[in-house]
Amino acid sequence: MDDGAELGWELSTAIVLFHEAVARRLGLSAADHKALGLVTRNGPLPAGALAAELGIGASAATALVDRLERAGYVRRVPDPADRRRVLVSAETGHRPDLGAVFADLGREMTALMGRYDERELAAIVDYLTGAIAILRAQTARLAEDTPPGPGAGPARR
């Protein structure tokens, strides 16, 4: 059996490549697609909150929102609580139709889960929940330790 690091690498790679393929269908990058998902699920969001969630800087978030806006997936709207602030909102009339893609994925994942009993599923859920927590913590750590861009100086500690 593969060790945890190798299996984790394989899973991570498969997930990233899947989302790259989905994003290409939309004419987006995987990062843009994930940002669109965040806005669709949690939005409207201030660009700063989107940047923090994605672990990117303000200028990268602005460029990302610009791309999503040009593609017609989001729009900038005034924040009703603070008119000086702008929120990024999903454009409801231009939602990508990925129903078939995710329906196929859902069916296949459900079939896979059907191979396990309740005790085994509990262990799988525990593993995945733990892996997600580790990945989020490592992502935050990397974001804190990474300088904002080329030539920006030493990493923050």
C-alpha atoms as a PDB file:
ATOM      1  CA  MET A   1       0.000   0.000   0.000  1.00  0.00           C
ATOM      2  CA  ASP A   2       1.209   3.518  -0.799  1.00  0.00           C
ATOM      3  CA  ASP A   3       2.254   5.707   2.071  1.00  0.00           C
ATOM      4  CA  GLY A   4       0.077   8.660   3.061  1.00  0.00           C
ATOM      5  CA  ALA A   5       2.231  11.266   1.347  1.00  0.00           C
ATOM      6  CA  GLU A   6       2.160   9.449  -2.004  1.00  0.00           C
ATOM      7  CA  LEU A   7      -1.563   8.776  -1.832  1.00  0.00           C
ATOM      8  CA  GLY A   8      -2.207  12.389  -0.796  1.00  0.00           C
ATOM      9  CA  TRP A   9      -0.146  13.627  -3.744  1.00  0.00           C
ATOM     10  CA  GLU A  10      -2.098  11.406  -6.155  1.00  0.00           C
ATOM     11  CA  LEU A  11      -5.451  12.593  -4.751  1.00  0.00           C
ATOM     12  CA  SER A  12      -4.408  16.239  -4.813  1.00  0.00           C
ATOM     13  CA  THR A  13      -3.192  15.975  -8.403  1.00  0.00           C
ATOM     14  CA  ALA A  14      -6.394  14.248  -9.555  1.00  0.00           C
ATOM     15  CA  ILE A  15      -8.550  16.919  -7.899  1.00  0.00           C
ATOM     16  CA  VAL A  16      -6.545  19.814  -9.355  1.00  0.00           C
ATOM     17  CA  LEU A  17      -6.590  18.294 -12.855  1.00  0.00           C
ATOM     18  CA  PHE A  18     -10.347  17.652 -12.620  1.00  0.00           C
ATOM     19  CA  HIS A  19     -10.988  21.273 -11.672  1.00  0.00           C
ATOM     20  CA  GLU A  20      -8.655  22.482 -14.425  1.00  0.00           C
ATOM     21  CA  ALA A  21     -10.728  20.470 -16.933  1.00  0.00           C
ATOM     22  CA  VAL A  22     -13.989  21.902 -15.547  1.00  0.00           C
ATOM     23  CA  ALA A  23     -12.558  25.423 -15.636  1.00  0.00           C
ATOM     24  CA  ARG A  24     -11.400  25.028 -19.254  1.00  0.00           C
ATOM     25  CA  ARG A  25     -15.020  24.265 -20.210  1.00  0.00           C
ATOM     26  CA  LEU A  26     -15.876  27.704 -18.828  1.00  0.00           C
ATOM     27  CA  GLY A  27     -12.910  29.482 -20.365  1.00  0.00           C
ATOM     28  CA  LEU A  28     -11.409  30.014 -16.898  1.00  0.00           C
ATOM     29  CA  SER A  29      -8.430  28.861 -14.859  1.00  0.00           C
ATOM     30  CA  ALA A  30      -8.944  26.480 -11.946  1.00  0.00           C
ATOM     31  CA  ALA A  31      -8.327  29.350  -9.502  1.00  0.00           C
ATOM     32  CA  ASP A  32     -10.934  31.492 -11.264  1.00  0.00           C
ATOM     33  CA  HIS A  33     -13.391  28.578 -11.168  1.00  0.00           C
ATOM     34  CA  LYS A  34     -12.813  28.008  -7.445  1.00  0.00           C
ATOM     35  CA  ALA A  35     -13.263  31.745  -6.802  1.00  0.00           C
ATOM     36  CA  LEU A  36     -16.519  31.678  -8.756  1.00  0.00           C
ATOM     37  CA  GLY A  37     -17.632  28.753  -6.601  1.00  0.00           C
ATOM     38  CA  LEU A  38     -16.863  30.716  -3.426  1.00  0.00           C
ATOM     39  CA  VAL A  39     -18.809  33.733  -4.651  1.00  0.00           C
ATOM     40  CA  THR A  40     -21.724  31.555  -5.777  1.00  0.00           C
ATOM     41  CA  ARG A  41     -21.885  29.648  -2.484  1.00  0.00           C
ATOM     42  CA  ASN A  42     -20.944  32.365   0.020  1.00  0.00           C
ATOM     43  CA  GLY A  43     -21.446  35.634  -1.831  1.00  0.00           C
ATOM     44  CA  PRO A  44     -21.789  38.401  -2.299  1.00  0.00           C
ATOM     45  CA  LEU A  45     -18.316  38.888  -0.842  1.00  0.00           C
ATOM     46  CA  PRO A  46     -15.935  41.821  -0.535  1.00  0.00           C
ATOM     47  CA  ALA A  47     -12.906  41.306  -2.792  1.00  0.00           C
ATOM     48  CA  GLY A  48     -10.719  41.321   0.328  1.00  0.00           C
ATOM     49  CA  ALA A  49     -12.632  38.390   1.831  1.00  0.00           C
ATOM     50  CA  LEU A  50     -12.333  36.526  -1.467  1.00  0.00           C
ATOM     51  CA  ALA A  51      -8.583  37.227  -1.500  1.00  0.00           C
ATOM     52  CA  ALA A  52      -8.218  35.972   2.073  1.00  0.00           C
ATOM     53  CA  GLU A  53     -10.221  32.818   1.337  1.00  0.00           C
ATOM     54  CA  LEU A  54      -8.075  32.078  -1.727  1.00  0.00           C
ATOM     55  CA  GLY A  55      -4.815  33.080  -0.021  1.00  0.00           C
ATOM     56  CA  ILE A  56      -3.948  35.697  -2.656  1.00  0.00           C
ATOM     57  CA  GLY A  57      -3.087  39.372  -2.507  1.00  0.00           C
ATOM     58  CA  ALA A  58      -5.405  42.298  -3.207  1.00  0.00           C
ATOM     59  CA  SER A  59      -4.034  42.975  -6.707  1.00  0.00           C
ATOM     60  CA  ALA A  60      -4.357  39.305  -7.683  1.00  0.00           C
ATOM     61  CA  ALA A  61      -7.949  39.300  -6.371  1.00  0.00           C
ATOM     62  CA  THR A  62      -8.740  42.420  -8.403  1.00  0.00           C
ATOM     63  CA  ALA A  63      -7.358  40.794 -11.570  1.00  0.00           C
ATOM     64  CA  LEU A  64      -9.304  37.605 -10.823  1.00  0.00           C
ATOM     65  CA  VAL A  65     -12.572  39.516 -10.308  1.00  0.00           C
ATOM     66  CA  ASP A  66     -11.871  41.485 -13.512  1.00  0.00           C
ATOM     67  CA  ARG A  67     -11.567  38.193 -15.453  1.00  0.00           C
ATOM     68  CA  LEU A  68     -14.750  36.769 -13.944  1.00  0.00           C
ATOM     69  CA  GLU A  69     -16.586  40.027 -14.633  1.00  0.00           C
ATOM     70  CA  ARG A  70     -15.405  40.123 -18.276  1.00  0.00           C
ATOM     71  CA  ALA A  71     -16.589  36.523 -18.686  1.00  0.00           C
ATOM     72  CA  GLY A  72     -20.003  37.571 -17.334  1.00  0.00           C
ATOM     73  CA  TYR A  73     -19.930  35.353 -14.225  1.00  0.00           C
ATOM     74  CA  VAL A  74     -19.793  38.077 -11.538  1.00  0.00           C
ATOM     75  CA  ARG A  75     -20.505  41.754 -11.074  1.00  0.00           C
ATOM     76  CA  ARG A  76     -19.391  44.350  -8.603  1.00  0.00           C
ATOM     77  CA  VAL A  77     -22.206  45.790  -6.491  1.00  0.00           C
ATOM     78  CA  PRO A  78     -22.239  48.425  -3.739  1.00  0.00           C
ATOM     79  CA  ASP A  79     -22.288  47.002  -0.213  1.00  0.00           C
ATOM     80  CA  PRO A  80     -25.671  47.998   1.258  1.00  0.00           C
ATOM     81  CA  ALA A  81     -24.085  48.170   4.734  1.00  0.00           C
ATOM     82  CA  ASP A  82     -21.184  50.403   3.616  1.00  0.00           C
ATOM     83  CA  ARG A  83     -21.595  52.246   0.317  1.00  0.00           C
ATOM     84  CA  ARG A  84     -17.821  52.864   0.146  1.00  0.00           C
ATOM     85  CA  ARG A  85     -17.211  49.150  -0.176  1.00  0.00           C
ATOM     86  CA  VAL A  86     -17.876  46.947  -3.218  1.00  0.00           C
ATOM     87  CA  LEU A  87     -19.067  43.355  -3.116  1.00  0.00           C
ATOM     88  CA  VAL A  88     -18.468  40.656  -5.712  1.00  0.00           C
ATOM     89  CA  SER A  89     -21.770  39.001  -6.594  1.00  0.00           C
ATOM     90  CA  ALA A  90     -22.467  36.005  -8.838  1.00  0.00           C
ATOM     91  CA  GLU A  91     -24.311  37.001 -11.991  1.00  0.00           C
ATOM     92  CA  THR A  92     -27.488  34.955 -11.663  1.00  0.00           C
ATOM     93  CA  GLY A  93     -28.378  35.157 -15.346  1.00  0.00           C
ATOM     94  CA  HIS A  94     -25.024  33.723 -16.464  1.00  0.00           C
ATOM     95  CA  ARG A  95     -24.401  30.689 -14.286  1.00  0.00           C
ATOM     96  CA  PRO A  96     -22.268  28.010 -15.891  1.00  0.00           C
ATOM     97  CA  ASP A  97     -24.169  24.840 -16.702  1.00  0.00           C
ATOM     98  CA  LEU A  98     -22.059  22.074 -15.269  1.00  0.00           C
ATOM     99  CA  GLY A  99     -24.962  19.935 -14.133  1.00  0.00           C
ATOM    100  CA  ALA A 100     -24.051  16.957 -16.312  1.00  0.00           C
ATOM    101  CA  VAL A 101     -20.382  17.048 -15.271  1.00  0.00           C
ATOM    102  CA  PHE A 102     -21.163  17.122 -11.573  1.00  0.00           C
ATOM    103  CA  ALA A 103     -24.109  14.705 -11.908  1.00  0.00           C
ATOM    104  CA  ASP A 104     -21.725  12.129 -13.407  1.00  0.00           C
ATOM    105  CA  LEU A 105     -19.188  12.788 -10.658  1.00  0.00           C
ATOM    106  CA  GLY A 106     -21.889  12.538  -7.982  1.00  0.00           C
ATOM    107  CA  ARG A 107     -23.191   9.236  -9.375  1.00  0.00           C
ATOM    108  CA  GLU A 108     -19.730   7.707  -9.531  1.00  0.00           C
ATOM    109  CA  MET A 109     -18.781   8.933  -6.048  1.00  0.00           C
ATOM    110  CA  THR A 110     -22.073   7.568  -4.645  1.00  0.00           C
ATOM    111  CA  ALA A 111     -21.353   4.195  -6.273  1.00  0.00           C
ATOM    112  CA  LEU A 112     -17.844   4.225  -4.791  1.00  0.00           C
ATOM    113  CA  MET A 113     -19.191   5.010  -1.315  1.00  0.00           C
ATOM    114  CA  GLY A 114     -21.694   2.158  -1.691  1.00  0.00           C
ATOM    115  CA  ARG A 115     -18.784  -0.300  -1.587  1.00  0.00           C
ATOM    116  CA  TYR A 116     -18.154   0.460   2.107  1.00  0.00           C
ATOM    117  CA  ASP A 117     -20.063  -0.361   5.274  1.00  0.00           C
ATOM    118  CA  GLU A 118     -21.026   2.230   7.893  1.00  0.00           C
ATOM    119  CA  ARG A 119     -17.861   1.725   9.985  1.00  0.00           C
ATOM    120  CA  GLU A 120     -15.588   2.013   6.939  1.00  0.00           C
ATOM    121  CA  LEU A 121     -17.435   5.143   5.764  1.00  0.00           C
ATOM    122  CA  ALA A 122     -16.955   6.709   9.203  1.00  0.00           C
ATOM    123  CA  ALA A 123     -13.202   6.111   8.896  1.00  0.00           C
ATOM    124  CA  ILE A 124     -13.160   7.586   5.372  1.00  0.00           C
ATOM    125  CA  VAL A 125     -15.103  10.664   6.521  1.00  0.00           C
ATOM    126  CA  ASP A 126     -12.715  11.056   9.460  1.00  0.00           C
ATOM    127  CA  TYR A 127      -9.703  10.815   7.132  1.00  0.00           C
ATOM    128  CA  LEU A 128     -11.104  13.306   4.612  1.00  0.00           C
ATOM    129  CA  THR A 129     -12.176  15.763   7.325  1.00  0.00           C
ATOM    130  CA  GLY A 130      -8.708  15.579   8.833  1.00  0.00           C
ATOM    131  CA  ALA A 131      -7.028  15.940   5.421  1.00  0.00           C
ATOM    132  CA  ILE A 132      -9.128  19.026   4.645  1.00  0.00           C
ATOM    133  CA  ALA A 133      -8.187  20.592   7.995  1.00  0.00           C
ATOM    134  CA  ILE A 134      -4.490  19.861   7.390  1.00  0.00           C
ATOM    135  CA  LEU A 135      -4.632  21.304   3.863  1.00  0.00           C
ATOM    136  CA  ARG A 136      -6.384  24.469   5.075  1.00  0.00           C
ATOM    137  CA  ALA A 137      -3.834  24.939   7.853  1.00  0.00           C
ATOM    138  CA  GLN A 138      -0.908  24.364   5.476  1.00  0.00           C
ATOM    139  CA  THR A 139      -2.444  26.755   2.930  1.00  0.00           C
ATOM    140  CA  ALA A 140      -2.764  29.453   5.598  1.00  0.00           C
ATOM    141  CA  ARG A 141       0.806  28.829   6.752  1.00  0.00           C
ATOM    142  CA  LEU A 142       2.125  29.090   3.200  1.00  0.00           C
ATOM    143  CA  ALA A 143       0.142  32.286   2.600  1.00  0.00           C
ATOM    144  CA  GLU A 144       1.671  33.835   5.738  1.00  0.00           C
ATOM    145  CA  ASP A 145       5.212  32.752   4.848  1.00  0.00           C
ATOM    146  CA  THR A 146       5.081  33.759   1.185  1.00  0.00           C
ATOM    147  CA  PRO A 147       6.132  37.235   0.115  1.00  0.00           C
ATOM    148  CA  PRO A 148       3.474  39.075  -1.917  1.00  0.00           C
ATOM    149  CA  GLY A 149       5.393  38.948  -5.191  1.00  0.00           C
ATOM    150  CA  PRO A 150       8.749  38.892  -6.930  1.00  0.00           C
ATOM    151  CA  GLY A 151      11.246  41.229  -5.341  1.00  0.00           C
ATOM    152  CA  ALA A 152       8.900  42.039  -2.467  1.00  0.00           C
ATOM    153  CA  GLY A 153      11.423  41.297   0.239  1.00  0.00           C
ATOM    154  CA  PRO A 154      11.749  38.598   2.885  1.00  0.00           C
ATOM    155  CA  ALA A 155       8.847  36.396   3.940  1.00  0.00           C
ATOM    156  CA  ARG A 156       6.808  37.504   6.940  1.00  0.00           C
ATOM    157  CA  ARG A 157       7.105  35.404  10.066  1.00  0.00           C
END
